[in-house]
Amino acid sequence: MLTILLGLGLASCSAPVKVEGFDNESWKTDTNACHLKRTALVDVLLQHKDEFMNKKDEQLMKYIGKPDKSLFFSRGKKTFIYQVDPGSDCENRLLLKNMRSLRFDVNALGRIELVYMIAQ
């Protein structure tokens, strides 16, 4: 009986996030995109955004690090924001009209339901 329960528990776990050709360590160390590494890496993530769909938010953070900002909404929903262009916290901030950020919308169960980039 324990073997069956253990097997069912393992089957419900999803595989870890892994994107071919993406340097997640460079992304993690480029907080707020201050070192301009994320600008070169974001296209690979967007091409493989389906890899993140329905994954747990913990899996996302383990793979690409903590978000630069988080927004929290009613009913347990949240959005994780990763700067793609240097933000106001960077010394070498670019004076861009539209600062880009990569966003992950997370549902109340902690699963990613939307991946998109916006310019603000």
PDB file of N, CA and C in Angstrom:
ATOM      1  N   MET A   1       0.826  -1.199   0.000  1.00  0.00           N
ATOM      2  CA  MET A   1       0.000   0.000   0.000  1.00  0.00           C
ATOM      3  C   MET A   1       0.870   1.262   0.000  1.00  0.00           C
ATOM      4  N   LEU A   2       1.920   1.254   0.825  1.00  0.00           N
ATOM      5  CA  LEU A   2       2.828   2.399   0.883  1.00  0.00           C
ATOM      6  C   LEU A   2       3.502   2.623  -0.465  1.00  0.00           C
ATOM      7  N   THR A   3       3.847   1.541  -1.137  1.00  0.00           N
ATOM      8  CA  THR A   3       4.486   1.640  -2.451  1.00  0.00           C
ATOM      9  C   THR A   3       3.561   2.309  -3.457  1.00  0.00           C
ATOM     10  N   ILE A   4       2.286   1.974  -3.412  1.00  0.00           N
ATOM     11  CA  ILE A   4       1.314   2.568  -4.329  1.00  0.00           C
ATOM     12  C   ILE A   4       1.175   4.061  -4.052  1.00  0.00           C
ATOM     13  N   LEU A   5       1.064   4.437  -2.786  1.00  0.00           N
ATOM     14  CA  LEU A   5       0.940   5.846  -2.431  1.00  0.00           C
ATOM     15  C   LEU A   5       2.183   6.631  -2.823  1.00  0.00           C
ATOM     16  N   LEU A   6       3.350   6.049  -2.598  1.00  0.00           N
ATOM     17  CA  LEU A   6       4.598   6.698  -2.964  1.00  0.00           C
ATOM     18  C   LEU A   6       4.678   6.879  -4.480  1.00  0.00           C
ATOM     19  N   GLY A   7       4.276   5.871  -5.221  1.00  0.00           N
ATOM     20  CA  GLY A   7       4.273   5.947  -6.683  1.00  0.00           C
ATOM     21  C   GLY A   7       3.333   7.017  -7.195  1.00  0.00           C
ATOM     22  N   LEU A   8       2.156   7.121  -6.586  1.00  0.00           N
ATOM     23  CA  LEU A   8       1.204   8.151  -6.985  1.00  0.00           C
ATOM     24  C   LEU A   8       1.735   9.537  -6.662  1.00  0.00           C
ATOM     25  N   GLY A   9       2.393   9.671  -5.531  1.00  0.00           N
ATOM     26  CA  GLY A   9       2.976  10.957  -5.146  1.00  0.00           C
ATOM     27  C   GLY A   9       4.050  11.397  -6.113  1.00  0.00           C
ATOM     28  N   LEU A  10       4.895  10.482  -6.536  1.00  0.00           N
ATOM     29  CA  LEU A  10       5.954  10.818  -7.485  1.00  0.00           C
ATOM     30  C   LEU A  10       5.399  11.129  -8.863  1.00  0.00           C
ATOM     31  N   ALA A  11       4.352  10.456  -9.248  1.00  0.00           N
ATOM     32  CA  ALA A  11       3.753  10.687 -10.563  1.00  0.00           C
ATOM     33  C   ALA A  11       3.123  12.071 -10.652  1.00  0.00           C
ATOM     34  N   SER A  12       2.661  12.597  -9.517  1.00  0.00           N
ATOM     35  CA  SER A  12       2.018  13.906  -9.542  1.00  0.00           C
ATOM     36  C   SER A  12       3.025  15.049  -9.589  1.00  0.00           C
ATOM     37  N   CYS A  13       4.294  14.771  -9.286  1.00  0.00           N
ATOM     38  CA  CYS A  13       5.325  15.800  -9.356  1.00  0.00           C
ATOM     39  C   CYS A  13       5.687  16.042 -10.812  1.00  0.00           C
ATOM     40  N   SER A  14       5.832  17.300 -11.178  1.00  0.00           N
ATOM     41  CA  SER A  14       6.228  17.579 -12.555  1.00  0.00           C
ATOM     42  C   SER A  14       7.744  17.644 -12.652  1.00  0.00           C
ATOM     43  N   ALA A  15       8.234  17.425 -13.842  1.00  0.00           N
ATOM     44  CA  ALA A  15       9.677  17.431 -14.082  1.00  0.00           C
ATOM     45  C   ALA A  15      10.231  18.833 -13.843  1.00  0.00           C
ATOM     46  N   PRO A  16      11.489  18.923 -13.434  1.00  0.00           N
ATOM     47  CA  PRO A  16      12.073  20.250 -13.210  1.00  0.00           C
ATOM     48  C   PRO A  16      12.156  21.044 -14.514  1.00  0.00           C
ATOM     49  N   VAL A  17      12.156  22.354 -14.375  1.00  0.00           N
ATOM     50  CA  VAL A  17      12.265  23.228 -15.535  1.00  0.00           C
ATOM     51  C   VAL A  17      13.684  23.144 -16.085  1.00  0.00           C
ATOM     52  N   LYS A  18      13.789  22.992 -17.396  1.00  0.00           N
ATOM     53  CA  LYS A  18      15.092  22.962 -18.074  1.00  0.00           C
ATOM     54  C   LYS A  18      14.876  23.500 -19.473  1.00  0.00           C
ATOM     55  N   VAL A  19      15.576  24.573 -19.814  1.00  0.00           N
ATOM     56  CA  VAL A  19      15.457  25.180 -21.137  1.00  0.00           C
ATOM     57  C   VAL A  19      16.792  25.024 -21.852  1.00  0.00           C
ATOM     58  N   GLU A  20      16.759  24.327 -22.970  1.00  0.00           N
ATOM     59  CA  GLU A  20      17.963  24.085 -23.775  1.00  0.00           C
ATOM     60  C   GLU A  20      18.535  25.410 -24.285  1.00  0.00           C
ATOM     61  N   GLY A  21      19.833  25.619 -24.084  1.00  0.00           N
ATOM     62  CA  GLY A  21      20.502  26.819 -24.583  1.00  0.00           C
ATOM     63  C   GLY A  21      20.356  28.038 -23.699  1.00  0.00           C
ATOM     64  N   PHE A  22      19.799  27.871 -22.496  1.00  0.00           N
ATOM     65  CA  PHE A  22      19.596  28.994 -21.575  1.00  0.00           C
ATOM     66  C   PHE A  22      20.574  28.897 -20.415  1.00  0.00           C
ATOM     67  N   ASP A  23      21.310  29.966 -20.156  1.00  0.00           N
ATOM     68  CA  ASP A  23      22.289  30.026 -19.066  1.00  0.00           C
ATOM     69  C   ASP A  23      21.606  30.594 -17.823  1.00  0.00           C
ATOM     70  N   ASN A  24      20.988  29.713 -17.050  1.00  0.00           N
ATOM     71  CA  ASN A  24      20.215  30.181 -15.897  1.00  0.00           C
ATOM     72  C   ASN A  24      21.094  30.804 -14.812  1.00  0.00           C
ATOM     73  N   GLU A  25      22.340  30.405 -14.699  1.00  0.00           N
ATOM     74  CA  GLU A  25      23.222  30.998 -13.683  1.00  0.00           C
ATOM     75  C   GLU A  25      23.526  32.455 -14.024  1.00  0.00           C
ATOM     76  N   SER A  26      23.729  32.762 -15.291  1.00  0.00           N
ATOM     77  CA  SER A  26      23.946  34.161 -15.697  1.00  0.00           C
ATOM     78  C   SER A  26      22.701  34.994 -15.417  1.00  0.00           C
ATOM     79  N   TRP A  27      21.529  34.411 -15.684  1.00  0.00           N
ATOM     80  CA  TRP A  27      20.272  35.118 -15.415  1.00  0.00           C
ATOM     81  C   TRP A  27      20.147  35.407 -13.918  1.00  0.00           C
ATOM     82  N   LYS A  28      20.417  34.413 -13.092  1.00  0.00           N
ATOM     83  CA  LYS A  28      20.275  34.572 -11.640  1.00  0.00           C
ATOM     84  C   LYS A  28      21.183  35.668 -11.094  1.00  0.00           C
ATOM     85  N   THR A  29      22.416  35.747 -11.610  1.00  0.00           N
ATOM     86  CA  THR A  29      23.377  36.716 -11.069  1.00  0.00           C
ATOM     87  C   THR A  29      23.157  38.129 -11.604  1.00  0.00           C
ATOM     88  N   ASP A  30      22.278  38.298 -12.567  1.00  0.00           N
ATOM     89  CA  ASP A  30      22.026  39.611 -13.164  1.00  0.00           C
ATOM     90  C   ASP A  30      20.782  40.254 -12.550  1.00  0.00           C
ATOM     91  N   THR A  31      20.805  40.468 -11.254  1.00  0.00           N
ATOM     92  CA  THR A  31      19.669  41.058 -10.551  1.00  0.00           C
ATOM     93  C   THR A  31      19.323  42.425 -11.143  1.00  0.00           C
ATOM     94  N   ASN A  32      18.044  42.644 -11.376  1.00  0.00           N
ATOM     95  CA  ASN A  32      17.520  43.878 -11.973  1.00  0.00           C
ATOM     96  C   ASN A  32      18.101  44.171 -13.351  1.00  0.00           C
ATOM     97  N   ALA A  33      18.732  43.182 -13.974  1.00  0.00           N
ATOM     98  CA  ALA A  33      19.327  43.302 -15.320  1.00  0.00           C
ATOM     99  C   ALA A  33      20.439  44.345 -15.375  1.00  0.00           C
ATOM    100  N   CYS A  34      21.085  44.602 -14.249  1.00  0.00           N
ATOM    101  CA  CYS A  34      22.118  45.640 -14.184  1.00  0.00           C
ATOM    102  C   CYS A  34      23.353  45.320 -15.022  1.00  0.00           C
ATOM    103  N   HIS A  35      23.622  44.063 -15.277  1.00  0.00           N
ATOM    104  CA  HIS A  35      24.826  43.679 -16.027  1.00  0.00           C
ATOM    105  C   HIS A  35      24.527  43.336 -17.486  1.00  0.00           C
ATOM    106  N   LEU A  36      23.312  43.610 -17.921  1.00  0.00           N
ATOM    107  CA  LEU A  36      22.877  43.438 -19.317  1.00  0.00           C
ATOM    108  C   LEU A  36      22.938  42.001 -19.824  1.00  0.00           C
ATOM    109  N   LYS A  37      23.003  41.027 -18.928  1.00  0.00           N
ATOM    110  CA  LYS A  37      23.021  39.624 -19.356  1.00  0.00           C
ATOM    111  C   LYS A  37      21.624  39.147 -19.743  1.00  0.00           C
ATOM    112  N   ARG A  38      20.619  39.609 -19.024  1.00  0.00           N
ATOM    113  CA  ARG A  38      19.247  39.153 -19.278  1.00  0.00           C
ATOM    114  C   ARG A  38      18.739  39.583 -20.647  1.00  0.00           C
ATOM    115  N   THR A  39      19.215  40.729 -21.121  1.00  0.00           N
ATOM    116  CA  THR A  39      18.791  41.215 -22.432  1.00  0.00           C
ATOM    117  C   THR A  39      19.102  40.193 -23.517  1.00  0.00           C
ATOM    118  N   ALA A  40      20.262  39.555 -23.403  1.00  0.00           N
ATOM    119  CA  ALA A  40      20.670  38.556 -24.397  1.00  0.00           C
ATOM    120  C   ALA A  40      19.995  37.206 -24.179  1.00  0.00           C
ATOM    121  N   LEU A  41      19.524  36.945 -22.963  1.00  0.00           N
ATOM    122  CA  LEU A  41      18.976  35.629 -22.621  1.00  0.00           C
ATOM    123  C   LEU A  41      17.455  35.524 -22.751  1.00  0.00           C
ATOM    124  N   VAL A  42      16.763  36.637 -22.721  1.00  0.00           N
ATOM    125  CA  VAL A  42      15.304  36.605 -22.626  1.00  0.00           C
ATOM    126  C   VAL A  42      14.643  35.950 -23.834  1.00  0.00           C
ATOM    127  N   ASP A  43      15.212  36.105 -25.015  1.00  0.00           N
ATOM    128  CA  ASP A  43      14.597  35.507 -26.207  1.00  0.00           C
ATOM    129  C   ASP A  43      14.531  33.987 -26.116  1.00  0.00           C
ATOM    130  N   VAL A  44      15.563  33.376 -25.536  1.00  0.00           N
ATOM    131  CA  VAL A  44      15.564  31.913 -25.373  1.00  0.00           C
ATOM    132  C   VAL A  44      14.432  31.502 -24.433  1.00  0.00           C
ATOM    133  N   LEU A  45      14.255  32.239 -23.341  1.00  0.00           N
ATOM    134  CA  LEU A  45      13.167  31.925 -22.404  1.00  0.00           C
ATOM    135  C   LEU A  45      11.805  32.061 -23.077  1.00  0.00           C
ATOM    136  N   LEU A  46      11.623  33.126 -23.827  1.00  0.00           N
ATOM    137  CA  LEU A  46      10.327  33.335 -24.482  1.00  0.00           C
ATOM    138  C   LEU A  46      10.037  32.276 -25.537  1.00  0.00           C
ATOM    139  N   GLN A  47      11.065  31.805 -26.224  1.00  0.00           N
ATOM    140  CA  GLN A  47      10.865  30.744 -27.212  1.00  0.00           C
ATOM    141  C   GLN A  47      10.428  29.440 -26.556  1.00  0.00           C
ATOM    142  N   HIS A  48      10.786  29.260 -25.291  1.00  0.00           N
ATOM    143  CA  HIS A  48      10.468  28.024 -24.569  1.00  0.00           C
ATOM    144  C   HIS A  48       9.521  28.281 -23.397  1.00  0.00           C
ATOM    145  N   LYS A  49       8.683  29.299 -23.511  1.00  0.00           N
ATOM    146  CA  LYS A  49       7.822  29.642 -22.380  1.00  0.00           C
ATOM    147  C   LYS A  49       6.856  28.521 -22.006  1.00  0.00           C
ATOM    148  N   ASP A  50       6.533  27.648 -22.944  1.00  0.00           N
ATOM    149  CA  ASP A  50       5.643  26.527 -22.632  1.00  0.00           C
ATOM    150  C   ASP A  50       6.256  25.575 -21.608  1.00  0.00           C
ATOM    151  N   GLU A  51       7.577  25.569 -21.495  1.00  0.00           N
ATOM    152  CA  GLU A  51       8.251  24.721 -20.498  1.00  0.00           C
ATOM    153  C   GLU A  51       7.852  25.113 -19.076  1.00  0.00           C
ATOM    154  N   PHE A  52       7.435  26.363 -18.890  1.00  0.00           N
ATOM    155  CA  PHE A  52       7.100  26.865 -17.562  1.00  0.00           C
ATOM    156  C   PHE A  52       5.625  26.691 -17.212  1.00  0.00           C
ATOM    157  N   MET A  53       4.797  26.478 -18.216  1.00  0.00           N
ATOM    158  CA  MET A  53       3.361  26.403 -17.976  1.00  0.00           C
ATOM    159  C   MET A  53       3.010  25.252 -17.036  1.00  0.00           C
ATOM    160  N   ASN A  54       2.210  25.568 -16.038  1.00  0.00           N
ATOM    161  CA  ASN A  54       1.710  24.630 -15.037  1.00  0.00           C
ATOM    162  C   ASN A  54       2.795  24.109 -14.088  1.00  0.00           C
ATOM    163  N   LYS A  55       3.983  24.712 -14.119  1.00  0.00           N
ATOM    164  CA  LYS A  55       5.032  24.352 -13.156  1.00  0.00           C
ATOM    165  C   LYS A  55       4.774  25.127 -11.868  1.00  0.00           C
ATOM    166  N   LYS A  56       5.285  24.624 -10.773  1.00  0.00           N
ATOM    167  CA  LYS A  56       5.145  25.301  -9.484  1.00  0.00           C
ATOM    168  C   LYS A  56       6.052  26.530  -9.446  1.00  0.00           C
ATOM    169  N   ASP A  57       5.619  27.552  -8.724  1.00  0.00           N
ATOM    170  CA  ASP A  57       6.427  28.764  -8.630  1.00  0.00           C
ATOM    171  C   ASP A  57       7.791  28.499  -7.992  1.00  0.00           C
ATOM    172  N   GLU A  58       7.870  27.503  -7.105  1.00  0.00           N
ATOM    173  CA  GLU A  58       9.158  27.153  -6.497  1.00  0.00           C
ATOM    174  C   GLU A  58      10.135  26.625  -7.546  1.00  0.00           C
ATOM    175  N   GLN A  59       9.611  25.890  -8.531  1.00  0.00           N
ATOM    176  CA  GLN A  59      10.463  25.372  -9.604  1.00  0.00           C
ATOM    177  C   GLN A  59      11.022  26.520 -10.440  1.00  0.00           C
ATOM    178  N   LEU A  60      10.195  27.513 -10.701  1.00  0.00           N
ATOM    179  CA  LEU A  60      10.636  28.685 -11.449  1.00  0.00           C
ATOM    180  C   LEU A  60      11.771  29.385 -10.707  1.00  0.00           C
ATOM    181  N   MET A  61      11.566  29.658  -9.421  1.00  0.00           N
ATOM    182  CA  MET A  61      12.574  30.382  -8.648  1.00  0.00           C
ATOM    183  C   MET A  61      13.856  29.573  -8.483  1.00  0.00           C
ATOM    184  N   LYS A  62      13.725  28.276  -8.397  1.00  0.00           N
ATOM    185  CA  LYS A  62      14.922  27.442  -8.306  1.00  0.00           C
ATOM    186  C   LYS A  62      15.727  27.529  -9.600  1.00  0.00           C
ATOM    187  N   TYR A  63      15.043  27.641 -10.716  1.00  0.00           N
ATOM    188  CA  TYR A  63      15.716  27.647 -12.015  1.00  0.00           C
ATOM    189  C   TYR A  63      16.263  29.024 -12.402  1.00  0.00           C
ATOM    190  N   ILE A  64      15.463  30.098 -12.246  1.00  0.00           N
ATOM    191  CA  ILE A  64      15.945  31.419 -12.674  1.00  0.00           C
ATOM    192  C   ILE A  64      16.108  32.415 -11.529  1.00  0.00           C
ATOM    193  N   GLY A  65      15.946  31.972 -10.302  1.00  0.00           N
ATOM    194  CA  GLY A  65      16.174  32.845  -9.155  1.00  0.00           C
ATOM    195  C   GLY A  65      14.922  33.591  -8.719  1.00  0.00           C
ATOM    196  N   LYS A  66      15.073  34.323  -7.617  1.00  0.00           N
ATOM    197  CA  LYS A  66      13.959  35.103  -7.087  1.00  0.00           C
ATOM    198  C   LYS A  66      13.620  36.241  -8.040  1.00  0.00           C
ATOM    199  N   PRO A  67      12.344  36.598  -8.103  1.00  0.00           N
ATOM    200  CA  PRO A  67      11.963  37.717  -8.969  1.00  0.00           C
ATOM    201  C   PRO A  67      12.499  39.043  -8.421  1.00  0.00           C
ATOM    202  N   ASP A  68      12.658  40.014  -9.318  1.00  0.00           N
ATOM    203  CA  ASP A  68      13.077  41.348  -8.892  1.00  0.00           C
ATOM    204  C   ASP A  68      11.947  42.048  -8.145  1.00  0.00           C
ATOM    205  N   LYS A  69      10.726  41.748  -8.539  1.00  0.00           N
ATOM    206  CA  LYS A  69       9.532  42.297  -7.882  1.00  0.00           C
ATOM    207  C   LYS A  69       8.439  41.241  -7.908  1.00  0.00           C
ATOM    208  N   SER A  70       7.515  41.363  -6.970  1.00  0.00           N
ATOM    209  CA  SER A  70       6.351  40.473  -6.933  1.00  0.00           C
ATOM    210  C   SER A  70       5.103  41.310  -6.699  1.00  0.00           C
ATOM    211  N   LEU A  71       4.051  40.976  -7.400  1.00  0.00           N
ATOM    212  CA  LEU A  71       2.754  41.613  -7.195  1.00  0.00           C
ATOM    213  C   LEU A  71       1.800  40.560  -6.658  1.00  0.00           C
ATOM    214  N   PHE A  72       1.023  40.926  -5.642  1.00  0.00           N
ATOM    215  CA  PHE A  72       0.093  39.988  -5.031  1.00  0.00           C
ATOM    216  C   PHE A  72      -1.329  40.502  -5.215  1.00  0.00           C
ATOM    217  N   PHE A  73      -2.215  39.591  -5.596  1.00  0.00           N
ATOM    218  CA  PHE A  73      -3.597  39.940  -5.898  1.00  0.00           C
ATOM    219  C   PHE A  73      -4.544  39.138  -5.007  1.00  0.00           C
ATOM    220  N   SER A  74      -5.826  39.455  -5.118  1.00  0.00           N
ATOM    221  CA  SER A  74      -6.822  38.722  -4.338  1.00  0.00           C
ATOM    222  C   SER A  74      -6.889  37.268  -4.792  1.00  0.00           C
ATOM    223  N   ARG A  75      -7.416  36.452  -3.934  1.00  0.00           N
ATOM    224  CA  ARG A  75      -7.608  35.019  -4.194  1.00  0.00           C
ATOM    225  C   ARG A  75      -6.299  34.270  -4.422  1.00  0.00           C
ATOM    226  N   GLY A  76      -5.209  34.786  -3.862  1.00  0.00           N
ATOM    227  CA  GLY A  76      -3.941  34.068  -3.888  1.00  0.00           C
ATOM    228  C   GLY A  76      -3.155  34.138  -5.182  1.00  0.00           C
ATOM    229  N   LYS A  77      -3.597  34.944  -6.126  1.00  0.00           N
ATOM    230  CA  LYS A  77      -2.859  35.064  -7.388  1.00  0.00           C
ATOM    231  C   LYS A  77      -1.690  36.021  -7.202  1.00  0.00           C
ATOM    232  N   LYS A  78      -0.630  35.818  -8.008  1.00  0.00           N
ATOM    233  CA  LYS A  78       0.532  36.696  -7.933  1.00  0.00           C
ATOM    234  C   LYS A  78       1.231  36.751  -9.283  1.00  0.00           C
ATOM    235  N   THR A  79       2.054  37.769  -9.442  1.00  0.00           N
ATOM    236  CA  THR A  79       2.866  37.935 -10.645  1.00  0.00           C
ATOM    237  C   THR A  79       4.303  38.151 -10.220  1.00  0.00           C
ATOM    238  N   PHE A  80       5.205  37.379 -10.801  1.00  0.00           N
ATOM    239  CA  PHE A  80       6.635  37.542 -10.566  1.00  0.00           C
ATOM    240  C   PHE A  80       7.205  38.342 -11.729  1.00  0.00           C
ATOM    241  N   ILE A  81       8.003  39.349 -11.406  1.00  0.00           N
ATOM    242  CA  ILE A  81       8.555  40.251 -12.417  1.00  0.00           C
ATOM    243  C   ILE A  81      10.076  40.165 -12.405  1.00  0.00           C
ATOM    244  N   TYR A  82      10.630  39.919 -13.584  1.00  0.00           N
ATOM    245  CA  TYR A  82      12.081  39.885 -13.779  1.00  0.00           C
ATOM    246  C   TYR A  82      12.437  40.983 -14.775  1.00  0.00           C
ATOM    247  N   GLN A  83      13.256  41.942 -14.359  1.00  0.00           N
ATOM    248  CA  GLN A  83      13.684  43.014 -15.253  1.00  0.00           C
ATOM    249  C   GLN A  83      14.529  42.437 -16.381  1.00  0.00           C
ATOM    250  N   VAL A  84      14.319  42.935 -17.585  1.00  0.00           N
ATOM    251  CA  VAL A  84      15.102  42.528 -18.750  1.00  0.00           C
ATOM    252  C   VAL A  84      16.076  43.643 -19.136  1.00  0.00           C
ATOM    253  N   ASP A  85      15.650  44.891 -18.970  1.00  0.00           N
ATOM    254  CA  ASP A  85      16.509  46.048 -19.193  1.00  0.00           C
ATOM    255  C   ASP A  85      16.873  46.631 -17.829  1.00  0.00           C
ATOM    256  N   PRO A  86      18.057  47.253 -17.710  1.00  0.00           N
ATOM    257  CA  PRO A  86      18.482  47.789 -16.408  1.00  0.00           C
ATOM    258  C   PRO A  86      17.437  48.720 -15.806  1.00  0.00           C
ATOM    259  N   GLY A  87      17.099  48.464 -14.557  1.00  0.00           N
ATOM    260  CA  GLY A  87      16.097  49.257 -13.867  1.00  0.00           C
ATOM    261  C   GLY A  87      16.697  50.431 -13.118  1.00  0.00           C
ATOM    262  N   SER A  88      15.877  51.129 -12.377  1.00  0.00           N
ATOM    263  CA  SER A  88      16.307  52.328 -11.656  1.00  0.00           C
ATOM    264  C   SER A  88      17.291  52.015 -10.533  1.00  0.00           C
ATOM    265  N   ASP A  89      17.392  50.750 -10.137  1.00  0.00           N
ATOM    266  CA  ASP A  89      18.329  50.362  -9.083  1.00  0.00           C
ATOM    267  C   ASP A  89      19.754  50.183  -9.605  1.00  0.00           C
ATOM    268  N   CYS A  90      19.965  50.307 -10.898  1.00  0.00           N
ATOM    269  CA  CYS A  90      21.275  50.065 -11.510  1.00  0.00           C
ATOM    270  C   CYS A  90      22.020  51.380 -11.739  1.00  0.00           C
ATOM    271  N   GLU A  91      23.336  51.339 -11.548  1.00  0.00           N
ATOM    272  CA  GLU A  91      24.160  52.515 -11.832  1.00  0.00           C
ATOM    273  C   GLU A  91      24.190  52.814 -13.324  1.00  0.00           C
ATOM    274  N   ASN A  92      24.231  51.770 -14.139  1.00  0.00           N
ATOM    275  CA  ASN A  92      24.327  51.936 -15.590  1.00  0.00           C
ATOM    276  C   ASN A  92      22.959  51.920 -16.268  1.00  0.00           C
ATOM    277  N   ARG A  93      21.979  52.451 -15.584  1.00  0.00           N
ATOM    278  CA  ARG A  93      20.608  52.430 -16.103  1.00  0.00           C
ATOM    279  C   ARG A  93      20.544  53.061 -17.484  1.00  0.00           C
ATOM    280  N   LEU A  94      19.936  52.355 -18.394  1.00  0.00           N
ATOM    281  CA  LEU A  94      19.725  52.884 -19.734  1.00  0.00           C
ATOM    282  C   LEU A  94      18.505  53.794 -19.711  1.00  0.00           C
ATOM    283  N   LEU A  95      18.582  54.860 -20.438  1.00  0.00           N
ATOM    284  CA  LEU A  95      17.445  55.769 -20.500  1.00  0.00           C
ATOM    285  C   LEU A  95      16.528  55.338 -21.643  1.00  0.00           C
ATOM    286  N   LEU A  96      15.812  54.274 -21.391  1.00  0.00           N
ATOM    287  CA  LEU A  96      14.884  53.737 -22.379  1.00  0.00           C
ATOM    288  C   LEU A  96      13.479  54.208 -22.051  1.00  0.00           C
ATOM    289  N   LYS A  97      12.729  54.486 -23.094  1.00  0.00           N
ATOM    290  CA  LYS A  97      11.333  54.863 -22.875  1.00  0.00           C
ATOM    291  C   LYS A  97      10.541  53.685 -22.331  1.00  0.00           C
ATOM    292  N   ASN A  98      10.782  52.529 -22.895  1.00  0.00           N
ATOM    293  CA  ASN A  98      10.000  51.353 -22.529  1.00  0.00           C
ATOM    294  C   ASN A  98      10.900  50.286 -21.917  1.00  0.00           C
ATOM    295  N   MET A  99      10.993  50.281 -20.613  1.00  0.00           N
ATOM    296  CA  MET A  99      11.782  49.271 -19.907  1.00  0.00           C
ATOM    297  C   MET A  99      11.026  47.944 -19.969  1.00  0.00           C
ATOM    298  N   ARG A 100      11.703  46.894 -20.418  1.00  0.00           N
ATOM    299  CA  ARG A 100      11.049  45.596 -20.570  1.00  0.00           C
ATOM    300  C   ARG A 100      11.208  44.748 -19.312  1.00  0.00           C
ATOM    301  N   SER A 101      10.168  43.983 -19.036  1.00  0.00           N
ATOM    302  CA  SER A 101      10.223  43.013 -17.939  1.00  0.00           C
ATOM    303  C   SER A 101       9.505  41.735 -18.366  1.00  0.00           C
ATOM    304  N   LEU A 102      10.029  40.619 -17.883  1.00  0.00           N
ATOM    305  CA  LEU A 102       9.428  39.310 -18.127  1.00  0.00           C
ATOM    306  C   LEU A 102       8.553  38.988 -16.931  1.00  0.00           C
ATOM    307  N   ARG A 103       7.328  38.562 -17.195  1.00  0.00           N
ATOM    308  CA  ARG A 103       6.376  38.326 -16.108  1.00  0.00           C
ATOM    309  C   ARG A 103       5.820  36.913 -16.157  1.00  0.00           C
ATOM    310  N   PHE A 104       5.615  36.379 -14.970  1.00  0.00           N
ATOM    311  CA  PHE A 104       5.033  35.053 -14.799  1.00  0.00           C
ATOM    312  C   PHE A 104       3.817  35.206 -13.897  1.00  0.00           C
ATOM    313  N   ASP A 105       2.632  34.936 -14.426  1.00  0.00           N
ATOM    314  CA  ASP A 105       1.415  34.960 -13.619  1.00  0.00           C
ATOM    315  C   ASP A 105       1.231  33.591 -12.981  1.00  0.00           C
ATOM    316  N   VAL A 106       0.973  33.604 -11.680  1.00  0.00           N
ATOM    317  CA  VAL A 106       0.859  32.376 -10.896  1.00  0.00           C
ATOM    318  C   VAL A 106      -0.537  32.317 -10.290  1.00  0.00           C
ATOM    319  N   ASN A 107      -1.193  31.161 -10.422  1.00  0.00           N
ATOM    320  CA  ASN A 107      -2.551  31.021  -9.884  1.00  0.00           C
ATOM    321  C   ASN A 107      -2.517  30.717  -8.384  1.00  0.00           C
ATOM    322  N   ALA A 108      -3.685  30.583  -7.797  1.00  0.00           N
ATOM    323  CA  ALA A 108      -3.798  30.363  -6.356  1.00  0.00           C
ATOM    324  C   ALA A 108      -3.194  29.035  -5.903  1.00  0.00           C
ATOM    325  N   LEU A 109      -3.015  28.095  -6.818  1.00  0.00           N
ATOM    326  CA  LEU A 109      -2.402  26.808  -6.480  1.00  0.00           C
ATOM    327  C   LEU A 109      -0.880  26.851  -6.609  1.00  0.00           C
ATOM    328  N   GLY A 110      -0.348  28.028  -6.947  1.00  0.00           N
ATOM    329  CA  GLY A 110       1.097  28.177  -7.070  1.00  0.00           C
ATOM    330  C   GLY A 110       1.653  27.684  -8.389  1.00  0.00           C
ATOM    331  N   ARG A 111       0.800  27.588  -9.399  1.00  0.00           N
ATOM    332  CA  ARG A 111       1.241  27.099 -10.713  1.00  0.00           C
ATOM    333  C   ARG A 111       1.250  28.243 -11.734  1.00  0.00           C
ATOM    334  N   ILE A 112       2.252  28.238 -12.592  1.00  0.00           N
ATOM    335  CA  ILE A 112       2.393  29.276 -13.609  1.00  0.00           C
ATOM    336  C   ILE A 112       1.325  29.068 -14.678  1.00  0.00           C
ATOM    337  N   GLU A 113       0.598  30.152 -14.970  1.00  0.00           N
ATOM    338  CA  GLU A 113      -0.455  30.038 -15.981  1.00  0.00           C
ATOM    339  C   GLU A 113      -0.247  30.974 -17.171  1.00  0.00           C
ATOM    340  N   LEU A 114       0.695  31.910 -17.071  1.00  0.00           N
ATOM    341  CA  LEU A 114       0.946  32.815 -18.189  1.00  0.00           C
ATOM    342  C   LEU A 114       2.367  33.362 -18.095  1.00  0.00           C
ATOM    343  N   VAL A 115       3.065  33.393 -19.237  1.00  0.00           N
ATOM    344  CA  VAL A 115       4.420  33.950 -19.333  1.00  0.00           C
ATOM    345  C   VAL A 115       4.393  34.978 -20.453  1.00  0.00           C
ATOM    346  N   TYR A 116       4.829  36.211 -20.161  1.00  0.00           N
ATOM    347  CA  TYR A 116       4.781  37.264 -21.168  1.00  0.00           C
ATOM    348  C   TYR A 116       5.780  38.372 -20.833  1.00  0.00           C
ATOM    349  N   MET A 117       6.068  39.205 -21.824  1.00  0.00           N
ATOM    350  CA  MET A 117       6.960  40.331 -21.610  1.00  0.00           C
ATOM    351  C   MET A 117       6.202  41.611 -21.905  1.00  0.00           C
ATOM    352  N   ILE A 118       6.435  42.631 -21.076  1.00  0.00           N
ATOM    353  CA  ILE A 118       5.805  43.928 -21.319  1.00  0.00           C
ATOM    354  C   ILE A 118       6.878  45.014 -21.301  1.00  0.00           C
ATOM    355  N   ALA A 119       6.555  46.121 -21.934  1.00  0.00           N
ATOM    356  CA  ALA A 119       7.395  47.314 -21.884  1.00  0.00           C
ATOM    357  C   ALA A 119       6.613  48.369 -21.117  1.00  0.00           C
ATOM    358  N   GLN A 120       7.274  48.992 -20.165  1.00  0.00           N
ATOM    359  CA  GLN A 120       6.572  49.990 -19.346  1.00  0.00           C
ATOM    360  C   GLN A 120       7.314  51.292 -19.312  1.00  0.00           C
TER     361      GLN A 120
END
